[in-house]
Amino acid sequence: MVQAQHWEPPDPPKLLVSARRVAQELEVPTWKANEICWCLDRRFYAPGQVHYRVTLASLDAFKELIADGMTMSGARAVMWHFKQRGSLPPPDLSQEERDWIHWQARQRRRW
């Protein structure tokens, strides 16, 4: 006779993270993490759009850009560019295209 054992599913992964977690992951001050969160995929969870979380997928994409050698400024420009399109940067985004997006962002700031 086989006895059924009690099984509980594991906790689901957190799909949304706070600015504090972004600060910890990127090893930056909280104020800097709040600035970075503007270019990530944010989800508001309170009336008045005051409290937000960012998607873990967008944070991972940002960290991947930094791991590939981009500066925080460059990674923010790339993330913002794709955020305007409603997507995340593709994993096979070329270095030339990343540099071009960053260059375009710097040119817009000059005008």
N, C-alpha and C. Protein backbone atom coordinates (compact mmCIF):
# COMPACT_ATOMS: atom_id res chain seq x y z
N MET A 1 0.84 -1.17 0.00
CA MET A 1 0.00 0.00 0.00
C MET A 1 0.89 1.24 0.00
N VAL A 2 0.62 2.16 -0.89
CA VAL A 2 1.40 3.38 -1.01
C VAL A 2 0.66 4.50 -0.28
N GLN A 3 1.38 5.17 0.60
CA GLN A 3 0.78 6.27 1.32
C GLN A 3 1.10 7.59 0.62
N ALA A 4 0.10 8.41 0.52
CA ALA A 4 0.31 9.73 -0.09
C ALA A 4 1.06 10.61 0.91
N GLN A 5 2.06 11.25 0.43
CA GLN A 5 2.83 12.15 1.28
C GLN A 5 2.37 13.58 1.04
N HIS A 6 2.43 14.35 2.08
CA HIS A 6 2.02 15.74 1.94
C HIS A 6 3.08 16.49 1.16
N TRP A 7 2.66 17.15 0.11
CA TRP A 7 3.60 17.91 -0.73
C TRP A 7 3.08 19.32 -0.91
N GLU A 8 3.93 20.29 -0.71
CA GLU A 8 3.57 21.69 -0.94
C GLU A 8 4.42 22.22 -2.08
N PRO A 9 3.79 22.93 -2.99
CA PRO A 9 4.59 23.49 -4.09
C PRO A 9 5.56 24.53 -3.54
N PRO A 10 6.70 24.70 -4.21
CA PRO A 10 7.66 25.71 -3.75
C PRO A 10 7.10 27.11 -3.95
N ASP A 11 7.65 28.06 -3.22
CA ASP A 11 7.23 29.44 -3.39
C ASP A 11 7.53 29.89 -4.81
N PRO A 12 6.59 30.57 -5.44
CA PRO A 12 6.84 31.03 -6.80
C PRO A 12 7.92 32.12 -6.78
N PRO A 13 8.67 32.24 -7.86
CA PRO A 13 9.70 33.29 -7.89
C PRO A 13 9.05 34.66 -7.87
N LYS A 14 9.74 35.60 -7.27
CA LYS A 14 9.22 36.97 -7.23
C LYS A 14 9.42 37.60 -8.61
N LEU A 15 8.32 38.01 -9.17
CA LEU A 15 8.37 38.61 -10.50
C LEU A 15 8.53 40.12 -10.44
N LEU A 16 8.22 40.71 -9.27
CA LEU A 16 8.35 42.15 -9.09
C LEU A 16 9.27 42.40 -7.90
N VAL A 17 10.16 43.37 -8.05
CA VAL A 17 11.10 43.69 -6.97
C VAL A 17 11.06 45.19 -6.68
N SER A 18 11.45 45.54 -5.48
CA SER A 18 11.42 46.94 -5.03
C SER A 18 12.69 47.66 -5.46
N ALA A 19 12.65 48.98 -5.31
CA ALA A 19 13.84 49.79 -5.60
C ALA A 19 14.96 49.44 -4.63
N ARG A 20 14.61 49.07 -3.43
CA ARG A 20 15.63 48.66 -2.45
C ARG A 20 16.36 47.41 -2.93
N ARG A 21 15.62 46.47 -3.50
CA ARG A 21 16.25 45.26 -4.03
C ARG A 21 17.12 45.60 -5.24
N VAL A 22 16.66 46.53 -6.07
CA VAL A 22 17.46 46.98 -7.22
C VAL A 22 18.78 47.55 -6.71
N ALA A 23 18.71 48.35 -5.65
CA ALA A 23 19.92 48.94 -5.05
C ALA A 23 20.87 47.85 -4.58
N GLN A 24 20.33 46.83 -3.94
CA GLN A 24 21.18 45.74 -3.45
C GLN A 24 21.80 44.95 -4.60
N GLU A 25 21.00 44.66 -5.61
CA GLU A 25 21.48 43.86 -6.75
C GLU A 25 22.58 44.59 -7.52
N LEU A 26 22.41 45.92 -7.67
CA LEU A 26 23.36 46.69 -8.46
C LEU A 26 24.46 47.33 -7.62
N GLU A 27 24.33 47.19 -6.29
CA GLU A 27 25.30 47.77 -5.35
C GLU A 27 25.43 49.27 -5.55
N VAL A 28 24.27 49.94 -5.55
CA VAL A 28 24.21 51.40 -5.66
C VAL A 28 23.35 51.92 -4.52
N PRO A 29 23.46 53.23 -4.21
CA PRO A 29 22.58 53.79 -3.18
C PRO A 29 21.11 53.75 -3.63
N THR A 30 20.21 53.80 -2.67
CA THR A 30 18.78 53.72 -2.96
C THR A 30 18.33 54.85 -3.89
N TRP A 31 18.86 56.06 -3.70
CA TRP A 31 18.44 57.17 -4.56
C TRP A 31 18.82 56.90 -6.01
N LYS A 32 19.97 56.26 -6.23
CA LYS A 32 20.41 55.94 -7.58
C LYS A 32 19.53 54.83 -8.17
N ALA A 33 19.15 53.87 -7.33
CA ALA A 33 18.27 52.80 -7.79
C ALA A 33 16.92 53.35 -8.21
N ASN A 34 16.42 54.35 -7.48
CA ASN A 34 15.15 54.97 -7.87
C ASN A 34 15.26 55.62 -9.24
N GLU A 35 16.40 56.24 -9.54
CA GLU A 35 16.61 56.82 -10.87
C GLU A 35 16.65 55.73 -11.94
N ILE A 36 17.33 54.65 -11.64
CA ILE A 36 17.45 53.55 -12.59
C ILE A 36 16.08 52.93 -12.87
N CYS A 37 15.24 52.85 -11.84
CA CYS A 37 13.92 52.23 -11.99
C CYS A 37 13.06 52.95 -13.03
N TRP A 38 13.34 54.20 -13.32
CA TRP A 38 12.55 54.92 -14.33
C TRP A 38 12.73 54.32 -15.71
N CYS A 39 13.86 53.70 -15.98
CA CYS A 39 14.07 53.11 -17.30
C CYS A 39 13.69 51.63 -17.34
N LEU A 40 13.33 51.06 -16.19
CA LEU A 40 12.93 49.67 -16.14
C LEU A 40 11.41 49.57 -16.26
N ASP A 41 10.93 48.37 -16.39
CA ASP A 41 9.49 48.13 -16.53
C ASP A 41 8.84 48.20 -15.15
N ARG A 42 8.16 49.33 -14.88
CA ARG A 42 7.57 49.55 -13.56
C ARG A 42 6.09 49.16 -13.56
N ARG A 43 5.65 48.66 -12.41
CA ARG A 43 4.24 48.32 -12.19
C ARG A 43 3.79 49.02 -10.92
N PHE A 44 2.78 49.85 -11.03
CA PHE A 44 2.26 50.56 -9.86
C PHE A 44 1.21 49.71 -9.17
N TYR A 45 1.21 49.74 -7.85
CA TYR A 45 0.27 48.91 -7.11
C TYR A 45 -0.55 49.69 -6.09
N ALA A 46 -0.54 51.01 -6.15
CA ALA A 46 -1.33 51.82 -5.23
C ALA A 46 -1.98 52.96 -6.02
N PRO A 47 -3.08 53.47 -5.52
CA PRO A 47 -3.71 54.60 -6.20
C PRO A 47 -2.76 55.80 -6.27
N GLY A 48 -2.85 56.54 -7.32
CA GLY A 48 -2.01 57.72 -7.47
C GLY A 48 -0.64 57.43 -8.03
N GLN A 49 -0.38 56.20 -8.39
CA GLN A 49 0.91 55.78 -8.95
C GLN A 49 2.09 56.27 -8.12
N VAL A 50 2.02 55.99 -6.83
CA VAL A 50 3.08 56.38 -5.92
C VAL A 50 4.00 55.20 -5.63
N HIS A 51 3.42 54.06 -5.33
CA HIS A 51 4.21 52.88 -4.98
C HIS A 51 4.34 51.98 -6.20
N TYR A 52 5.56 51.54 -6.45
CA TYR A 52 5.79 50.71 -7.63
C TYR A 52 6.80 49.62 -7.33
N ARG A 53 6.84 48.68 -8.21
CA ARG A 53 7.86 47.64 -8.26
C ARG A 53 8.31 47.56 -9.71
N VAL A 54 9.47 46.97 -9.93
CA VAL A 54 9.94 46.75 -11.30
C VAL A 54 9.95 45.26 -11.56
N THR A 55 9.79 44.91 -12.83
CA THR A 55 9.79 43.49 -13.16
C THR A 55 11.20 42.93 -13.04
N LEU A 56 11.27 41.71 -12.58
CA LEU A 56 12.57 41.05 -12.44
C LEU A 56 13.22 40.87 -13.81
N ALA A 57 12.40 40.65 -14.83
CA ALA A 57 12.94 40.48 -16.19
C ALA A 57 13.66 41.75 -16.66
N SER A 58 13.09 42.93 -16.36
CA SER A 58 13.75 44.16 -16.79
C SER A 58 15.03 44.40 -15.98
N LEU A 59 15.02 44.07 -14.69
CA LEU A 59 16.24 44.20 -13.89
C LEU A 59 17.32 43.26 -14.41
N ASP A 60 16.93 42.03 -14.74
CA ASP A 60 17.91 41.07 -15.28
C ASP A 60 18.48 41.55 -16.61
N ALA A 61 17.64 42.14 -17.46
CA ALA A 61 18.12 42.66 -18.75
C ALA A 61 19.11 43.80 -18.52
N PHE A 62 18.81 44.67 -17.55
CA PHE A 62 19.71 45.78 -17.21
C PHE A 62 21.05 45.25 -16.72
N LYS A 63 21.00 44.26 -15.82
CA LYS A 63 22.23 43.67 -15.29
C LYS A 63 23.04 42.99 -16.38
N GLU A 64 22.36 42.39 -17.35
CA GLU A 64 23.06 41.74 -18.45
C GLU A 64 23.80 42.77 -19.31
N LEU A 65 23.18 43.92 -19.55
CA LEU A 65 23.85 44.97 -20.32
C LEU A 65 25.11 45.44 -19.60
N ILE A 66 25.01 45.60 -18.28
CA ILE A 66 26.18 46.02 -17.50
C ILE A 66 27.25 44.94 -17.51
N ALA A 67 26.83 43.69 -17.41
CA ALA A 67 27.79 42.58 -17.43
C ALA A 67 28.52 42.50 -18.77
N ASP A 68 27.85 42.96 -19.84
CA ASP A 68 28.47 42.95 -21.17
C ASP A 68 29.39 44.15 -21.39
N GLY A 69 29.60 44.96 -20.35
CA GLY A 69 30.56 46.04 -20.45
C GLY A 69 29.98 47.43 -20.64
N MET A 70 28.68 47.58 -20.63
CA MET A 70 28.09 48.92 -20.78
C MET A 70 28.18 49.67 -19.46
N THR A 71 28.23 50.97 -19.57
CA THR A 71 28.15 51.81 -18.38
C THR A 71 26.69 51.85 -17.92
N MET A 72 26.48 52.32 -16.70
CA MET A 72 25.10 52.45 -16.20
C MET A 72 24.33 53.43 -17.09
N SER A 73 24.97 54.50 -17.51
CA SER A 73 24.32 55.47 -18.38
C SER A 73 23.91 54.83 -19.70
N GLY A 74 24.80 54.06 -20.28
CA GLY A 74 24.50 53.39 -21.53
C GLY A 74 23.39 52.37 -21.39
N ALA A 75 23.44 51.60 -20.31
CA ALA A 75 22.40 50.59 -20.06
C ALA A 75 21.04 51.25 -19.84
N ARG A 76 21.04 52.40 -19.14
CA ARG A 76 19.79 53.12 -18.93
C ARG A 76 19.22 53.60 -20.26
N ALA A 77 20.08 54.10 -21.14
CA ALA A 77 19.62 54.58 -22.45
C ALA A 77 19.02 53.44 -23.27
N VAL A 78 19.67 52.30 -23.26
CA VAL A 78 19.16 51.14 -24.01
C VAL A 78 17.83 50.68 -23.43
N MET A 79 17.75 50.58 -22.11
CA MET A 79 16.50 50.14 -21.48
C MET A 79 15.38 51.13 -21.77
N TRP A 80 15.67 52.43 -21.71
CA TRP A 80 14.65 53.44 -21.99
C TRP A 80 14.16 53.33 -23.44
N HIS A 81 15.10 53.13 -24.36
CA HIS A 81 14.77 53.00 -25.77
C HIS A 81 13.77 51.87 -25.98
N PHE A 82 14.04 50.73 -25.39
CA PHE A 82 13.15 49.59 -25.57
C PHE A 82 11.88 49.72 -24.74
N LYS A 83 11.96 50.43 -23.61
CA LYS A 83 10.75 50.66 -22.82
C LYS A 83 9.75 51.47 -23.63
N GLN A 84 10.23 52.44 -24.41
CA GLN A 84 9.34 53.25 -25.25
C GLN A 84 8.63 52.39 -26.29
N ARG A 85 9.26 51.31 -26.68
CA ARG A 85 8.65 50.38 -27.64
C ARG A 85 7.76 49.35 -26.95
N GLY A 86 7.82 49.30 -25.63
CA GLY A 86 7.00 48.34 -24.89
C GLY A 86 7.61 46.96 -24.81
N SER A 87 8.93 46.89 -24.88
CA SER A 87 9.59 45.58 -24.82
C SER A 87 10.90 45.68 -24.06
N LEU A 88 11.55 44.56 -23.92
CA LEU A 88 12.88 44.51 -23.32
C LEU A 88 13.91 44.34 -24.44
N PRO A 89 15.16 44.72 -24.18
CA PRO A 89 16.17 44.51 -25.22
C PRO A 89 16.33 43.02 -25.52
N PRO A 90 16.46 42.67 -26.78
CA PRO A 90 16.65 41.25 -27.10
C PRO A 90 18.02 40.78 -26.61
N PRO A 91 18.12 39.51 -26.24
CA PRO A 91 19.40 39.00 -25.73
C PRO A 91 20.52 39.04 -26.76
N ASP A 92 20.17 39.04 -28.04
CA ASP A 92 21.20 39.05 -29.08
C ASP A 92 21.46 40.45 -29.64
N LEU A 93 21.17 41.48 -28.85
CA LEU A 93 21.40 42.86 -29.28
C LEU A 93 22.91 43.09 -29.47
N SER A 94 23.28 43.57 -30.64
CA SER A 94 24.70 43.73 -30.95
C SER A 94 25.31 44.92 -30.21
N GLN A 95 26.61 44.87 -30.04
CA GLN A 95 27.34 45.95 -29.38
C GLN A 95 27.19 47.25 -30.17
N GLU A 96 27.22 47.17 -31.49
CA GLU A 96 27.08 48.35 -32.33
C GLU A 96 25.72 49.01 -32.12
N GLU A 97 24.65 48.20 -32.05
CA GLU A 97 23.32 48.76 -31.87
C GLU A 97 23.18 49.39 -30.48
N ARG A 98 23.75 48.74 -29.46
CA ARG A 98 23.71 49.32 -28.11
C ARG A 98 24.44 50.65 -28.07
N ASP A 99 25.61 50.69 -28.69
CA ASP A 99 26.38 51.94 -28.72
C ASP A 99 25.63 53.02 -29.49
N TRP A 100 24.95 52.65 -30.58
CA TRP A 100 24.21 53.62 -31.37
C TRP A 100 23.05 54.20 -30.55
N ILE A 101 22.34 53.35 -29.82
CA ILE A 101 21.23 53.82 -28.99
C ILE A 101 21.75 54.79 -27.93
N HIS A 102 22.87 54.45 -27.30
CA HIS A 102 23.45 55.33 -26.28
C HIS A 102 23.90 56.64 -26.90
N TRP A 103 24.51 56.59 -28.07
CA TRP A 103 24.96 57.80 -28.76
C TRP A 103 23.76 58.69 -29.09
N GLN A 104 22.67 58.08 -29.59
CA GLN A 104 21.46 58.85 -29.91
C GLN A 104 20.91 59.54 -28.66
N ALA A 105 20.91 58.85 -27.55
CA ALA A 105 20.39 59.42 -26.29
C ALA A 105 21.24 60.62 -25.87
N ARG A 106 22.55 60.52 -26.03
CA ARG A 106 23.43 61.64 -25.66
C ARG A 106 23.21 62.83 -26.60
N GLN A 107 22.93 62.56 -27.87
CA GLN A 107 22.69 63.64 -28.83
C GLN A 107 21.41 64.39 -28.48
N ARG A 108 20.37 63.68 -28.06
CA ARG A 108 19.10 64.32 -27.70
C ARG A 108 19.28 65.23 -26.49
N ARG A 109 20.15 64.87 -25.58
CA ARG A 109 20.37 65.70 -24.39
C ARG A 109 21.03 67.01 -24.73
N ARG A 110 21.80 67.03 -25.80
CA ARG A 110 22.52 68.25 -26.19
C ARG A 110 21.57 69.30 -26.76
N TRP A 111 20.48 68.87 -27.37
CA TRP A 111 19.56 69.82 -28.01
C TRP A 111 18.67 70.33 -26.98
